[in-house]
Amino acid sequence: MPRICTIPLDTAKVRLQLQKKGVAGDGLALPKYRGLLGTVGTIAREEGLAAL
């Protein structure tokens, strides 16, 4: 699989993993990212494609 596909997915995976650690102490906060493709879409929409 070319890098253009794997790097954005890896970026999304890391964001999801970090979110789980950050939200663990706060039970009231809703997660910002939901699912792998939803995370890619959120990053692209909020930060632009270059962030991926």
Protein backbone atom coordinates (compact mmCIF):
# COMPACT_ATOMS: atom_id res chain seq x y z
CA MET A 1 0.00 0.00 0.00
CA PRO A 2 1.51 3.35 -0.93
CA ARG A 3 2.55 5.82 1.73
CA ILE A 4 -0.18 8.24 0.69
CA CYS A 5 -2.68 5.73 2.14
CA THR A 6 -0.79 4.39 5.14
CA ILE A 7 0.50 7.61 6.71
CA PRO A 8 -2.95 9.27 7.12
CA LEU A 9 -4.35 6.05 8.59
CA ASP A 10 -1.42 5.78 11.00
CA THR A 11 -1.89 9.43 12.01
CA ALA A 12 -5.57 8.76 12.73
CA LYS A 13 -4.72 5.61 14.70
CA VAL A 14 -2.28 7.51 16.91
CA ARG A 15 -4.82 10.31 17.53
CA LEU A 16 -7.41 7.73 18.59
CA GLN A 17 -4.93 6.03 20.93
CA LEU A 18 -3.89 9.32 22.53
CA GLN A 19 -7.51 10.37 22.92
CA LYS A 20 -8.28 7.20 24.89
CA LYS A 21 -5.47 7.99 27.34
CA GLY A 22 -6.51 11.63 27.68
CA VAL A 23 -10.21 10.95 28.24
CA ALA A 24 -9.65 8.10 30.71
CA GLY A 25 -9.50 10.47 33.69
CA ASP A 26 -12.48 12.60 32.64
CA GLY A 27 -15.69 10.61 32.36
CA LEU A 28 -17.84 13.56 31.25
CA ALA A 29 -16.05 14.60 28.04
CA LEU A 30 -17.33 13.33 24.70
CA PRO A 31 -14.64 11.93 22.41
CA LYS A 32 -13.53 14.24 19.62
CA TYR A 33 -12.66 11.40 17.27
CA ARG A 34 -14.93 8.45 16.48
CA GLY A 35 -13.65 5.63 14.33
CA LEU A 36 -10.73 5.55 11.96
CA LEU A 37 -12.35 7.17 8.93
CA GLY A 38 -14.20 9.69 11.06
CA THR A 39 -10.89 10.71 12.59
CA VAL A 40 -9.32 11.16 9.14
CA GLY A 41 -12.28 13.34 8.12
CA THR A 42 -12.11 15.43 11.30
CA ILE A 43 -8.37 16.03 10.95
CA ALA A 44 -8.76 16.98 7.27
CA ARG A 45 -11.68 19.32 7.98
CA GLU A 46 -10.20 21.05 11.05
CA GLU A 47 -6.49 21.07 10.24
CA GLY A 48 -6.32 20.58 6.49
CA LEU A 49 -4.99 17.73 4.40
CA ALA A 50 -1.38 18.64 5.18
CA ALA A 51 -1.94 17.58 8.81
CA LEU A 52 -2.45 14.02 7.64
